[in-house]
Amino acid sequence: MTQEELLEEFSRMNNELVNAKRELLRLNRELEQASRIDPLTGIRNRRAFDELADQHHKVASRGNGSFAILYFDLDDFKSINDRFGHAEGDDALRAAAGILSGCVRSGDILARIGGDEFIALQANTKPGSVEALMTRVREAVRTWNASSGKPWKIDLSIGTASFDTATCESLPELVDRADRSMYEDKRRNNGRT
């Protein structure tokens, strides 16, 4: 092989390596993104929520910021699965995610954190903003139920916990408080339609 042929072969192999590296980087970015998205609903998953909420909590703790955690549970989800099948249960989860996505602001963090549970971090809260979000969600649920044509209804129990710079609760403590609040809402509204 001549020197010119060797140089051409080296150049071809180098181009192949550069292209393979680009493809590997692209695939890694896709994998990284996929590891943070719930494949059923298309919204963030628990991992993504935890990472983003932790950063938000740190910033709020240092700078007297405000935010709230809202915890949502899809009521009677098991009965939807049992009565209408898992495909309809999946539709209910997607519908709940769509309703919540339409109600939160673009700067808020929404995620499905497992099963029939969703969580949101409402950033930069002001007096009444948490209640306003809860009202938007309940109205969006009513509207969806009235027009869905599904044999089942969406109903969400909602719990909240607001960050207080005076107590500086940890993020897990806030999430736990919102979860307990959600169960109180579920008990209060048992049988709500």
Protein backbone atom coordinates (compact mmCIF):
# COMPACT_ATOMS: atom_id res chain seq x y z
CA MET A 1 0.00 0.00 0.00
CA THR A 2 1.37 3.39 -0.95
CA GLN A 3 1.71 6.26 1.47
CA GLU A 4 -1.13 8.08 -0.30
CA GLU A 5 -3.39 5.02 0.06
CA LEU A 6 -2.48 4.75 3.73
CA LEU A 7 -3.36 8.41 4.28
CA GLU A 8 -6.69 7.93 2.51
CA GLU A 9 -7.44 4.85 4.62
CA PHE A 10 -6.46 6.71 7.79
CA SER A 11 -8.69 9.64 6.82
CA ARG A 12 -11.63 7.30 6.11
CA MET A 13 -11.18 5.50 9.45
CA ASN A 14 -10.87 8.82 11.27
CA ASN A 15 -14.15 10.04 9.71
CA GLU A 16 -15.85 6.81 10.74
CA LEU A 17 -14.61 7.26 14.31
CA VAL A 18 -15.78 10.89 14.42
CA ASN A 19 -19.21 9.86 13.10
CA ALA A 20 -19.41 6.95 15.56
CA LYS A 21 -18.52 9.29 18.43
CA ARG A 22 -21.24 11.76 17.34
CA GLU A 23 -23.78 8.95 17.19
CA LEU A 24 -22.72 7.67 20.61
CA LEU A 25 -23.09 11.15 22.11
CA ARG A 26 -26.53 11.52 20.51
CA LEU A 27 -27.64 8.15 21.85
CA ASN A 28 -26.32 9.00 25.32
CA ARG A 29 -28.33 12.25 25.29
CA GLU A 30 -31.45 10.33 24.28
CA LEU A 31 -30.85 7.73 26.98
CA GLU A 32 -30.28 10.43 29.59
CA GLN A 33 -33.55 12.12 28.55
CA ALA A 34 -35.43 8.82 28.54
CA SER A 35 -34.22 8.05 32.06
CA ARG A 36 -36.06 11.15 33.29
CA ILE A 37 -39.37 10.74 31.43
CA ASP A 38 -42.23 8.44 32.36
CA PRO A 39 -42.80 6.43 29.17
CA LEU A 40 -46.56 6.03 29.70
CA THR A 41 -47.51 9.65 30.37
CA GLY A 42 -44.65 11.57 28.73
CA ILE A 43 -44.11 13.73 31.82
CA ARG A 44 -41.14 13.64 34.16
CA ASN A 45 -40.54 10.67 36.44
CA ARG A 46 -39.54 10.53 40.10
CA ARG A 47 -35.83 10.72 39.31
CA ALA A 48 -36.23 13.91 37.32
CA PHE A 49 -38.53 15.43 39.93
CA ASP A 50 -36.13 14.64 42.77
CA GLU A 51 -33.19 16.19 40.93
CA LEU A 52 -35.00 19.36 39.88
CA ALA A 53 -36.89 19.81 43.15
CA ASP A 54 -33.70 19.34 45.16
CA GLN A 55 -32.03 22.15 43.24
CA HIS A 56 -35.09 24.36 43.69
CA HIS A 57 -35.16 23.59 47.42
CA LYS A 58 -31.49 24.54 47.79
CA VAL A 59 -31.96 27.85 45.98
CA ALA A 60 -35.12 28.68 47.96
CA SER A 61 -33.40 27.82 51.24
CA ARG A 62 -30.53 30.22 50.53
CA GLY A 63 -32.57 33.08 49.12
CA ASN A 64 -35.83 33.14 51.03
CA GLY A 65 -37.62 31.65 48.05
CA SER A 66 -41.12 30.27 48.04
CA PHE A 67 -42.59 27.13 46.58
CA ALA A 68 -45.17 24.48 47.34
CA ILE A 69 -45.42 20.76 46.82
CA LEU A 70 -48.71 19.38 45.53
CA TYR A 71 -49.30 15.64 45.74
CA PHE A 72 -52.02 14.07 43.56
CA ASP A 73 -53.56 10.61 43.72
CA LEU A 74 -55.85 9.24 41.02
CA ASP A 75 -58.83 8.03 43.04
CA ASP A 76 -60.34 4.61 42.31
CA PHE A 77 -57.61 3.76 39.82
CA LYS A 78 -57.71 0.07 40.79
CA SER A 79 -61.40 -0.12 40.00
CA ILE A 80 -60.78 1.37 36.52
CA ASN A 81 -58.19 -1.35 35.88
CA ASP A 82 -60.41 -4.08 37.35
CA ARG A 83 -63.64 -3.06 35.61
CA PHE A 84 -62.38 -1.82 32.25
CA GLY A 85 -58.92 -3.36 31.80
CA HIS A 86 -55.36 -2.16 31.99
CA ALA A 87 -55.49 -0.34 28.65
CA GLU A 88 -58.24 1.88 30.07
CA GLY A 89 -56.21 2.26 33.27
CA ASP A 90 -53.31 3.48 31.15
CA ASP A 91 -55.69 5.92 29.43
CA ALA A 92 -56.76 7.20 32.87
CA LEU A 93 -53.12 7.80 33.84
CA ARG A 94 -52.45 9.61 30.57
CA ALA A 95 -55.62 11.67 31.03
CA ALA A 96 -54.63 12.64 34.58
CA ALA A 97 -51.15 13.62 33.38
CA GLY A 98 -52.68 15.69 30.58
CA ILE A 99 -55.04 17.46 32.95
CA LEU A 100 -52.23 18.28 35.38
CA SER A 101 -49.87 19.36 32.59
CA GLY A 102 -52.50 21.77 31.37
CA CYS A 103 -52.89 23.31 34.82
CA VAL A 104 -49.31 23.84 36.01
CA ARG A 105 -47.18 26.72 34.78
CA SER A 106 -44.22 26.13 32.51
CA GLY A 107 -41.75 26.91 35.34
CA ASP A 108 -43.35 24.37 37.68
CA ILE A 109 -42.15 20.78 37.95
CA LEU A 110 -44.69 17.99 37.32
CA ALA A 111 -43.94 14.27 37.53
CA ARG A 112 -45.53 10.87 37.82
CA ILE A 113 -43.81 9.37 40.82
CA GLY A 114 -45.30 5.91 40.69
CA GLY A 115 -48.50 4.01 40.09
CA ASP A 116 -51.36 6.49 40.21
CA GLU A 117 -49.49 9.24 42.04
CA PHE A 118 -48.30 12.54 40.65
CA ILE A 119 -46.40 15.42 42.22
CA ALA A 120 -45.83 19.05 41.34
CA LEU A 121 -43.54 21.72 42.65
CA GLN A 122 -45.21 25.09 42.21
CA ALA A 123 -42.43 27.65 42.05
CA ASN A 124 -42.50 31.21 43.35
CA THR A 125 -45.76 30.88 45.23
CA LYS A 126 -47.70 33.91 46.34
CA PRO A 127 -50.69 33.99 48.72
CA GLY A 128 -53.53 32.11 47.08
CA SER A 129 -51.50 30.57 44.25
CA VAL A 130 -51.67 27.02 45.60
CA GLU A 131 -55.44 27.29 46.05
CA ALA A 132 -55.74 28.73 42.53
CA LEU A 133 -53.86 25.76 41.10
CA MET A 134 -56.06 23.32 43.01
CA THR A 135 -59.16 25.11 41.67
CA ARG A 136 -57.79 24.92 38.10
CA VAL A 137 -57.13 21.20 38.50
CA ARG A 138 -60.60 20.45 39.89
CA GLU A 139 -62.27 22.49 37.14
CA ALA A 140 -60.15 20.79 34.46
CA VAL A 141 -61.14 17.39 35.91
CA ARG A 142 -64.85 18.36 35.76
CA THR A 143 -64.47 19.56 32.18
CA TRP A 144 -62.59 16.42 31.13
CA ASN A 145 -65.14 14.12 32.77
CA ALA A 146 -68.04 15.94 31.08
CA SER A 147 -66.55 15.55 27.61
CA SER A 148 -64.37 12.42 27.66
CA GLY A 149 -66.97 9.84 26.63
CA LYS A 150 -65.19 7.33 28.86
CA PRO A 151 -67.20 4.94 31.06
CA TRP A 152 -65.04 5.98 34.03
CA LYS A 153 -64.25 9.32 35.59
CA ILE A 154 -61.07 11.01 36.68
CA ASP A 155 -60.99 12.17 40.27
CA LEU A 156 -57.90 13.39 42.09
CA SER A 157 -57.19 13.75 45.77
CA ILE A 158 -54.81 16.64 46.34
CA GLY A 159 -52.46 17.41 49.20
CA THR A 160 -50.22 20.42 49.63
CA ALA A 161 -47.26 21.59 51.66
CA SER A 162 -45.70 25.04 51.35
CA PHE A 163 -42.01 25.66 51.95
CA ASP A 164 -41.37 27.92 54.92
CA THR A 165 -37.96 29.58 55.23
CA ALA A 166 -38.48 29.81 59.01
CA THR A 167 -38.54 26.02 59.44
CA CYS A 168 -36.54 25.10 56.31
CA GLU A 169 -38.01 21.61 56.10
CA SER A 170 -36.10 19.18 53.95
CA LEU A 171 -37.58 18.23 50.59
CA PRO A 172 -38.49 14.71 51.79
CA GLU A 173 -40.28 16.26 54.80
CA LEU A 174 -42.27 18.56 52.51
CA VAL A 175 -43.20 15.70 50.20
CA ASP A 176 -44.25 13.60 53.19
CA ARG A 177 -46.39 16.46 54.52
CA ALA A 178 -48.05 16.91 51.10
CA ASP A 179 -48.65 13.14 50.92
CA ARG A 180 -50.32 13.14 54.35
CA SER A 181 -52.41 16.13 53.28
CA MET A 182 -53.49 14.22 50.16
CA TYR A 183 -54.70 11.31 52.30
CA GLU A 184 -56.70 13.76 54.43
CA ASP A 185 -58.30 15.09 51.24
CA LYS A 186 -59.04 11.52 50.13
CA ARG A 187 -60.76 10.76 53.46
CA ARG A 188 -62.75 14.02 53.38
CA ASN A 189 -63.92 13.44 49.85
CA ASN A 190 -64.52 9.69 49.89
CA GLY A 191 -67.36 9.13 47.46
CA ARG A 192 -66.88 12.48 45.66
CA THR A 193 -67.98 12.38 42.04
